Amino acid sequence: MGCETLKTLSDDAVQTINGLSYDSNAEIIYCTLPLGGIFWSDELPRFRFLAFKGDDHNLVLRLFAIRIKIWNGETLNEEESSLWQSTIEQLPDWSFFKRLVLTEEQRLAHQAAESDAEKFFEELINAADEGSVSTKDGITNFSMTIKIKD
C-alpha cells in the first residue's frame, strides 16, 4: 500500500535542503499559514515553503505536518512512517530532524501557533459565503469566497 505509492523529494529539493546548515541559534518562526505551527529559520530556504514546487511543496508540508504529529505524541500511519524514514535517508543532516523534542518554551509557541491557525480558519469559514475543505495526501486545502458586493 503506502510503500508502493511512496513519493520522495526530487533531486532539486534535496539539493536545496542540503544547501542549508544547522544553526543552534536559529530563530523560531511562528507560522499560521500554511503550517499552523512553528519551525526554525535554518530548516527552510529563503522563500520558505514557496521555494518548493508541485509534489516537493506538498511533500515538505507533509513532513512538517508529520513532525507536528510527533511533537503532539500522535501515532504515524504506515505511509507517514515510510515518508519520514525515506526522507531521513535522503537528508540525514537536515536540521529539521534535529528538533523532534520541544522545550517547554517551544511547546508553548507551537501550541499558540496551532491555536491561532484554528481560530483563523474558524473565522474565515464563518465569514465565507461559500467554501470547501478537502484533504488529500495529508494536506488540507481550504477554498473560501467572501462576496464584497451583492
N, C-alpha and C. Protein backbone atom coordinates (compact mmCIF):
# COMPACT_ATOMS: atom_id res chain seq x y z
N MET A 1 0.83 -1.18 0.00
CA MET A 1 0.00 0.00 0.00
C MET A 1 0.88 1.25 0.00
N GLY A 2 1.25 1.79 1.15
CA GLY A 2 1.98 3.03 1.27
C GLY A 2 3.33 2.99 0.58
N CYS A 3 4.05 1.89 0.69
CA CYS A 3 5.40 1.83 0.13
C CYS A 3 5.38 1.85 -1.39
N GLU A 4 4.36 1.26 -2.01
CA GLU A 4 4.30 1.20 -3.46
C GLU A 4 4.07 2.57 -4.08
N THR A 5 3.31 3.45 -3.40
CA THR A 5 2.99 4.75 -3.95
C THR A 5 3.81 5.86 -3.29
N LEU A 6 4.80 5.49 -2.50
CA LEU A 6 5.60 6.46 -1.77
C LEU A 6 6.34 7.39 -2.72
N LYS A 7 6.19 8.69 -2.50
CA LYS A 7 6.92 9.68 -3.27
C LYS A 7 8.07 10.16 -2.41
N THR A 8 9.13 10.58 -3.07
CA THR A 8 10.27 11.15 -2.36
C THR A 8 10.57 12.51 -2.97
N LEU A 9 11.32 13.29 -2.25
CA LEU A 9 11.69 14.62 -2.74
C LEU A 9 12.56 14.50 -3.99
N SER A 10 12.40 15.46 -4.88
CA SER A 10 13.19 15.48 -6.12
C SER A 10 14.65 15.81 -5.80
N ASP A 11 15.51 15.55 -6.77
CA ASP A 11 16.92 15.89 -6.62
C ASP A 11 17.11 17.38 -6.37
N ASP A 12 16.29 18.22 -7.03
CA ASP A 12 16.38 19.67 -6.82
C ASP A 12 16.05 20.05 -5.38
N ALA A 13 14.99 19.45 -4.83
CA ALA A 13 14.61 19.74 -3.45
C ALA A 13 15.68 19.26 -2.48
N VAL A 14 16.21 18.08 -2.73
CA VAL A 14 17.28 17.55 -1.87
C VAL A 14 18.49 18.48 -1.92
N GLN A 15 18.85 18.94 -3.11
CA GLN A 15 19.98 19.85 -3.25
C GLN A 15 19.72 21.16 -2.49
N THR A 16 18.51 21.68 -2.60
CA THR A 16 18.15 22.92 -1.89
C THR A 16 18.28 22.74 -0.39
N ILE A 17 17.74 21.65 0.12
CA ILE A 17 17.79 21.41 1.57
C ILE A 17 19.22 21.12 2.02
N ASN A 18 19.97 20.38 1.21
CA ASN A 18 21.37 20.10 1.57
C ASN A 18 22.22 21.37 1.60
N GLY A 19 21.75 22.42 0.96
CA GLY A 19 22.46 23.70 0.99
C GLY A 19 22.26 24.47 2.29
N LEU A 20 21.36 23.97 3.13
CA LEU A 20 21.09 24.62 4.43
C LEU A 20 22.04 24.08 5.49
N SER A 21 22.33 24.89 6.49
CA SER A 21 23.21 24.47 7.58
C SER A 21 22.50 24.60 8.91
N TYR A 22 22.74 23.62 9.77
CA TYR A 22 22.19 23.65 11.12
C TYR A 22 22.76 24.85 11.88
N ASP A 23 21.88 25.56 12.61
CA ASP A 23 22.29 26.69 13.43
C ASP A 23 21.62 26.53 14.79
N SER A 24 22.43 26.25 15.80
CA SER A 24 21.87 26.05 17.14
C SER A 24 21.19 27.31 17.68
N ASN A 25 21.47 28.46 17.06
CA ASN A 25 20.83 29.72 17.46
C ASN A 25 19.78 30.18 16.46
N ALA A 26 19.28 29.26 15.65
CA ALA A 26 18.28 29.62 14.65
C ALA A 26 17.04 30.21 15.31
N GLU A 27 16.43 31.14 14.60
CA GLU A 27 15.23 31.80 15.09
C GLU A 27 14.01 30.89 14.93
N ILE A 28 13.15 30.90 15.92
CA ILE A 28 11.87 30.19 15.80
C ILE A 28 10.94 31.06 14.96
N ILE A 29 10.37 30.45 13.92
CA ILE A 29 9.42 31.14 13.04
C ILE A 29 8.01 30.67 13.42
N TYR A 30 7.18 31.62 13.73
CA TYR A 30 5.78 31.39 14.09
C TYR A 30 4.99 31.44 12.79
N CYS A 31 4.37 30.33 12.40
CA CYS A 31 3.79 30.21 11.07
C CYS A 31 2.32 29.78 11.14
N THR A 32 1.43 30.75 10.94
CA THR A 32 -0.01 30.42 10.91
C THR A 32 -0.36 29.74 9.61
N LEU A 33 0.11 30.32 8.49
CA LEU A 33 -0.15 29.74 7.17
C LEU A 33 1.18 29.46 6.49
N PRO A 34 1.40 28.37 5.88
CA PRO A 34 0.44 27.27 5.70
C PRO A 34 0.52 26.21 6.80
N LEU A 35 1.36 26.42 7.79
CA LEU A 35 1.71 25.34 8.71
C LEU A 35 0.81 25.21 9.92
N GLY A 36 0.49 26.31 10.57
CA GLY A 36 -0.22 26.24 11.84
C GLY A 36 0.68 25.68 12.92
N GLY A 37 1.92 26.16 12.96
CA GLY A 37 2.89 25.68 13.94
C GLY A 37 4.15 26.52 13.87
N ILE A 38 5.22 25.97 14.39
CA ILE A 38 6.50 26.67 14.37
C ILE A 38 7.52 25.87 13.56
N PHE A 39 8.55 26.57 13.12
CA PHE A 39 9.72 25.92 12.56
C PHE A 39 10.89 26.85 12.82
N TRP A 40 12.08 26.44 12.45
CA TRP A 40 13.28 27.23 12.70
C TRP A 40 13.82 27.79 11.39
N SER A 41 14.48 28.94 11.49
CA SER A 41 14.96 29.65 10.31
C SER A 41 15.98 28.88 9.49
N ASP A 42 16.63 27.89 10.06
CA ASP A 42 17.62 27.11 9.31
C ASP A 42 17.05 25.86 8.65
N GLU A 43 15.74 25.67 8.75
CA GLU A 43 15.13 24.44 8.23
C GLU A 43 14.60 24.59 6.80
N LEU A 44 14.42 25.81 6.34
CA LEU A 44 13.90 26.07 5.01
C LEU A 44 14.72 27.17 4.35
N PRO A 45 14.75 27.18 3.01
CA PRO A 45 15.48 28.25 2.32
C PRO A 45 14.75 29.59 2.42
N ARG A 46 15.33 30.58 1.81
CA ARG A 46 14.86 31.96 1.91
C ARG A 46 13.36 32.13 1.67
N PHE A 47 12.83 31.50 0.65
CA PHE A 47 11.42 31.67 0.32
C PHE A 47 10.52 30.63 1.01
N ARG A 48 11.08 30.01 2.04
CA ARG A 48 10.35 29.07 2.90
C ARG A 48 9.67 27.99 2.06
N PHE A 49 8.39 27.77 2.31
CA PHE A 49 7.66 26.69 1.62
C PHE A 49 7.51 26.99 0.13
N LEU A 50 7.50 28.26 -0.24
CA LEU A 50 7.36 28.63 -1.65
C LEU A 50 8.58 28.28 -2.49
N ALA A 51 9.68 27.92 -1.85
CA ALA A 51 10.89 27.52 -2.58
C ALA A 51 10.70 26.17 -3.27
N PHE A 52 9.67 25.45 -2.88
CA PHE A 52 9.42 24.11 -3.42
C PHE A 52 8.16 24.14 -4.29
N LYS A 53 8.21 23.47 -5.41
CA LYS A 53 7.11 23.46 -6.37
C LYS A 53 6.46 22.08 -6.46
N GLY A 54 5.19 22.05 -6.83
CA GLY A 54 4.49 20.81 -7.12
C GLY A 54 4.55 19.78 -6.01
N ASP A 55 4.93 18.56 -6.38
CA ASP A 55 4.99 17.47 -5.41
C ASP A 55 5.94 17.77 -4.26
N ASP A 56 7.06 18.44 -4.56
CA ASP A 56 8.01 18.77 -3.49
C ASP A 56 7.37 19.68 -2.45
N HIS A 57 6.60 20.65 -2.89
CA HIS A 57 5.91 21.56 -1.97
C HIS A 57 5.00 20.76 -1.04
N ASN A 58 4.20 19.88 -1.62
CA ASN A 58 3.29 19.08 -0.81
C ASN A 58 4.03 18.12 0.12
N LEU A 59 5.11 17.53 -0.37
CA LEU A 59 5.87 16.60 0.48
C LEU A 59 6.53 17.33 1.65
N VAL A 60 7.08 18.51 1.41
CA VAL A 60 7.69 19.27 2.50
C VAL A 60 6.62 19.65 3.53
N LEU A 61 5.46 20.09 3.07
CA LEU A 61 4.37 20.39 4.01
C LEU A 61 3.96 19.15 4.80
N ARG A 62 3.89 18.01 4.12
CA ARG A 62 3.54 16.76 4.81
C ARG A 62 4.56 16.41 5.89
N LEU A 63 5.84 16.61 5.56
CA LEU A 63 6.89 16.32 6.55
C LEU A 63 6.74 17.20 7.78
N PHE A 64 6.44 18.47 7.58
CA PHE A 64 6.23 19.36 8.73
C PHE A 64 4.99 18.93 9.51
N ALA A 65 3.93 18.50 8.81
CA ALA A 65 2.73 18.01 9.49
C ALA A 65 3.04 16.74 10.28
N ILE A 66 3.87 15.87 9.73
CA ILE A 66 4.26 14.64 10.43
C ILE A 66 5.05 15.00 11.69
N ARG A 67 5.95 15.95 11.57
CA ARG A 67 6.72 16.33 12.76
C ARG A 67 5.79 16.90 13.84
N ILE A 68 4.78 17.64 13.44
CA ILE A 68 3.81 18.15 14.42
C ILE A 68 3.12 16.98 15.10
N LYS A 69 2.76 15.95 14.35
CA LYS A 69 2.16 14.75 14.96
C LYS A 69 3.12 14.13 15.98
N ILE A 70 4.40 14.08 15.63
CA ILE A 70 5.40 13.54 16.56
C ILE A 70 5.45 14.40 17.82
N TRP A 71 5.51 15.72 17.65
CA TRP A 71 5.52 16.62 18.80
C TRP A 71 4.28 16.43 19.68
N ASN A 72 3.14 16.16 19.03
CA ASN A 72 1.89 16.02 19.77
C ASN A 72 1.68 14.61 20.32
N GLY A 73 2.66 13.73 20.12
CA GLY A 73 2.57 12.37 20.65
C GLY A 73 1.60 11.49 19.90
N GLU A 74 1.27 11.83 18.67
CA GLU A 74 0.34 11.04 17.86
C GLU A 74 1.09 9.93 17.13
N THR A 75 0.39 8.86 16.83
CA THR A 75 0.96 7.74 16.11
C THR A 75 0.92 8.00 14.62
N LEU A 76 2.03 7.73 13.94
CA LEU A 76 2.07 7.88 12.49
C LEU A 76 1.49 6.65 11.82
N ASN A 77 0.78 6.88 10.70
CA ASN A 77 0.30 5.72 9.95
C ASN A 77 1.46 5.18 9.10
N GLU A 78 1.22 4.09 8.42
CA GLU A 78 2.28 3.43 7.64
C GLU A 78 2.87 4.34 6.57
N GLU A 79 2.03 5.05 5.86
CA GLU A 79 2.51 5.93 4.80
C GLU A 79 3.35 7.08 5.37
N GLU A 80 2.90 7.66 6.47
CA GLU A 80 3.66 8.73 7.12
C GLU A 80 5.01 8.22 7.61
N SER A 81 5.01 7.06 8.22
CA SER A 81 6.27 6.46 8.70
C SER A 81 7.23 6.20 7.55
N SER A 82 6.71 5.70 6.43
CA SER A 82 7.55 5.42 5.26
C SER A 82 8.13 6.71 4.68
N LEU A 83 7.30 7.74 4.56
CA LEU A 83 7.78 9.03 4.04
C LEU A 83 8.84 9.60 4.98
N TRP A 84 8.59 9.52 6.27
CA TRP A 84 9.53 10.04 7.27
C TRP A 84 10.88 9.34 7.16
N GLN A 85 10.84 8.01 7.13
CA GLN A 85 12.09 7.23 7.07
C GLN A 85 12.84 7.45 5.76
N SER A 86 12.11 7.50 4.65
CA SER A 86 12.79 7.69 3.37
C SER A 86 13.42 9.08 3.29
N THR A 87 12.80 10.06 3.91
CA THR A 87 13.37 11.41 3.89
C THR A 87 14.58 11.50 4.80
N ILE A 88 14.55 10.81 5.94
CA ILE A 88 15.74 10.75 6.80
C ILE A 88 16.90 10.15 6.02
N GLU A 89 16.62 9.12 5.21
CA GLU A 89 17.68 8.50 4.40
C GLU A 89 18.19 9.47 3.34
N GLN A 90 17.28 10.27 2.74
CA GLN A 90 17.67 11.25 1.73
C GLN A 90 18.45 12.41 2.33
N LEU A 91 18.02 12.85 3.52
CA LEU A 91 18.53 14.09 4.12
C LEU A 91 18.90 13.90 5.59
N PRO A 92 19.83 13.02 5.89
CA PRO A 92 20.12 12.71 7.30
C PRO A 92 20.65 13.89 8.11
N ASP A 93 21.21 14.90 7.45
CA ASP A 93 21.79 16.03 8.17
C ASP A 93 20.87 17.26 8.22
N TRP A 94 19.65 17.15 7.69
CA TRP A 94 18.72 18.28 7.68
C TRP A 94 18.42 18.67 9.12
N SER A 95 18.58 19.94 9.43
CA SER A 95 18.34 20.43 10.80
C SER A 95 16.92 20.15 11.27
N PHE A 96 15.99 20.04 10.36
CA PHE A 96 14.60 19.68 10.64
C PHE A 96 14.51 18.44 11.54
N PHE A 97 15.37 17.45 11.29
CA PHE A 97 15.33 16.20 12.04
C PHE A 97 16.03 16.29 13.40
N LYS A 98 16.66 17.41 13.68
CA LYS A 98 17.34 17.59 14.97
C LYS A 98 16.41 18.17 16.03
N ARG A 99 15.16 18.45 15.65
CA ARG A 99 14.22 19.11 16.57
C ARG A 99 12.94 18.29 16.69
N LEU A 100 13.10 17.11 17.23
CA LEU A 100 11.95 16.21 17.38
C LEU A 100 11.36 16.26 18.78
N VAL A 101 12.06 16.91 19.69
CA VAL A 101 11.57 17.09 21.06
C VAL A 101 11.62 18.58 21.36
N LEU A 102 10.51 19.12 21.88
CA LEU A 102 10.42 20.54 22.15
C LEU A 102 10.70 20.86 23.62
N THR A 103 11.33 22.00 23.84
CA THR A 103 11.42 22.52 25.21
C THR A 103 10.04 23.03 25.60
N GLU A 104 9.85 23.35 26.84
CA GLU A 104 8.55 23.87 27.28
C GLU A 104 8.23 25.18 26.56
N GLU A 105 9.20 26.04 26.41
CA GLU A 105 9.00 27.32 25.72
C GLU A 105 8.61 27.09 24.25
N GLN A 106 9.29 26.16 23.60
CA GLN A 106 8.97 25.83 22.21
C GLN A 106 7.58 25.21 22.10
N ARG A 107 7.24 24.35 23.04
CA ARG A 107 5.91 23.72 23.03
C ARG A 107 4.81 24.77 23.15
N LEU A 108 5.02 25.74 24.03
CA LEU A 108 4.02 26.81 24.20
C LEU A 108 3.89 27.64 22.92
N ALA A 109 5.00 27.93 22.25
CA ALA A 109 4.95 28.66 20.98
C ALA A 109 4.22 27.84 19.92
N HIS A 110 4.52 26.55 19.87
CA HIS A 110 3.85 25.65 18.91
C HIS A 110 2.35 25.61 19.18
N GLN A 111 1.96 25.45 20.44
CA GLN A 111 0.53 25.38 20.79
C GLN A 111 -0.18 26.69 20.46
N ALA A 112 0.50 27.83 20.69
CA ALA A 112 -0.09 29.12 20.36
C ALA A 112 -0.30 29.25 18.85
N ALA A 113 0.68 28.81 18.07
CA ALA A 113 0.55 28.86 16.61
C ALA A 113 -0.58 27.97 16.12
N GLU A 114 -0.68 26.77 16.69
CA GLU A 114 -1.79 25.86 16.33
C GLU A 114 -3.14 26.49 16.65
N SER A 115 -3.24 27.05 17.84
CA SER A 115 -4.49 27.67 18.28
C SER A 115 -4.86 28.86 17.40
N ASP A 116 -3.88 29.70 17.07
CA ASP A 116 -4.15 30.85 16.21
C ASP A 116 -4.59 30.42 14.82
N ALA A 117 -3.98 29.36 14.28
CA ALA A 117 -4.38 28.87 12.97
C ALA A 117 -5.81 28.34 13.00
N GLU A 118 -6.16 27.60 14.05
CA GLU A 118 -7.53 27.09 14.19
C GLU A 118 -8.53 28.25 14.26
N LYS A 119 -8.21 29.28 15.04
CA LYS A 119 -9.10 30.44 15.15
C LYS A 119 -9.23 31.16 13.82
N PHE A 120 -8.11 31.31 13.11
CA PHE A 120 -8.12 31.98 11.81
C PHE A 120 -9.05 31.26 10.85
N PHE A 121 -8.91 29.93 10.74
CA PHE A 121 -9.74 29.19 9.80
C PHE A 121 -11.20 29.16 10.25
N GLU A 122 -11.44 29.10 11.53
CA GLU A 122 -12.81 29.14 12.03
C GLU A 122 -13.47 30.47 11.65
N GLU A 123 -12.76 31.57 11.85
CA GLU A 123 -13.29 32.89 11.48
C GLU A 123 -13.49 33.00 9.98
N LEU A 124 -12.54 32.49 9.21
CA LEU A 124 -12.65 32.53 7.76
C LEU A 124 -13.86 31.74 7.28
N ILE A 125 -14.04 30.55 7.82
CA ILE A 125 -15.17 29.71 7.44
C ILE A 125 -16.49 30.38 7.82
N ASN A 126 -16.55 30.97 9.00
CA ASN A 126 -17.78 31.64 9.45
C ASN A 126 -18.10 32.87 8.61
N ALA A 127 -17.09 33.55 8.10
CA ALA A 127 -17.30 34.76 7.31
C ALA A 127 -17.58 34.46 5.84
N ALA A 128 -17.27 33.27 5.39
CA ALA A 128 -17.37 32.94 3.97
C ALA A 128 -18.82 32.76 3.53
N ASP A 129 -19.08 33.22 2.32
CA ASP A 129 -20.39 32.98 1.70
C ASP A 129 -20.42 31.59 1.08
N GLU A 130 -19.28 31.15 0.60
CA GLU A 130 -19.14 29.82 0.02
C GLU A 130 -17.80 29.26 0.45
N GLY A 131 -17.73 27.96 0.56
CA GLY A 131 -16.44 27.40 0.92
C GLY A 131 -16.41 25.89 0.80
N SER A 132 -15.18 25.39 0.76
CA SER A 132 -15.00 23.94 0.75
C SER A 132 -13.68 23.62 1.44
N VAL A 133 -13.65 22.44 1.99
CA VAL A 133 -12.45 21.93 2.65
C VAL A 133 -12.22 20.53 2.11
N SER A 134 -10.99 20.26 1.67
CA SER A 134 -10.68 18.91 1.19
C SER A 134 -9.31 18.50 1.72
N THR A 135 -9.15 17.21 1.91
CA THR A 135 -7.87 16.68 2.37
C THR A 135 -7.41 15.60 1.41
N LYS A 136 -6.15 15.73 0.98
CA LYS A 136 -5.56 14.73 0.10
C LYS A 136 -4.10 14.57 0.49
N ASP A 137 -3.67 13.34 0.65
CA ASP A 137 -2.28 13.03 0.99
C ASP A 137 -1.81 13.78 2.23
N GLY A 138 -2.70 13.92 3.21
CA GLY A 138 -2.32 14.56 4.47
C GLY A 138 -2.28 16.07 4.43
N ILE A 139 -2.68 16.68 3.31
CA ILE A 139 -2.70 18.14 3.17
C ILE A 139 -4.15 18.57 3.09
N THR A 140 -4.54 19.51 3.94
CA THR A 140 -5.89 20.05 3.91
C THR A 140 -5.89 21.34 3.12
N ASN A 141 -6.78 21.43 2.15
CA ASN A 141 -6.93 22.62 1.32
C ASN A 141 -8.25 23.30 1.65
N PHE A 142 -8.19 24.62 1.79
CA PHE A 142 -9.37 25.42 2.09
C PHE A 142 -9.61 26.35 0.91
N SER A 143 -10.87 26.48 0.52
CA SER A 143 -11.25 27.44 -0.51
C SER A 143 -12.47 28.19 0.00
N MET A 144 -12.33 29.49 0.18
CA MET A 144 -13.42 30.30 0.73
C MET A 144 -13.67 31.49 -0.17
N THR A 145 -14.94 31.85 -0.33
CA THR A 145 -15.32 33.03 -1.09
C THR A 145 -16.14 33.94 -0.19
N ILE A 146 -15.73 35.19 -0.12
CA ILE A 146 -16.48 36.20 0.61
C ILE A 146 -16.93 37.23 -0.41
N LYS A 147 -18.24 37.40 -0.55
CA LYS A 147 -18.77 38.34 -1.54
C LYS A 147 -18.70 39.75 -0.96
N ILE A 148 -18.03 40.63 -1.68
CA ILE A 148 -17.89 42.01 -1.27
C ILE A 148 -19.16 42.79 -1.57
N LYS A 149 -19.74 42.54 -2.75
CA LYS A 149 -20.98 43.21 -3.16
C LYS A 149 -21.99 42.16 -3.59
N ASP A 150 -23.25 42.50 -3.42
CA ASP A 150 -24.32 41.61 -3.92
C ASP A 150 -24.61 41.86 -5.35
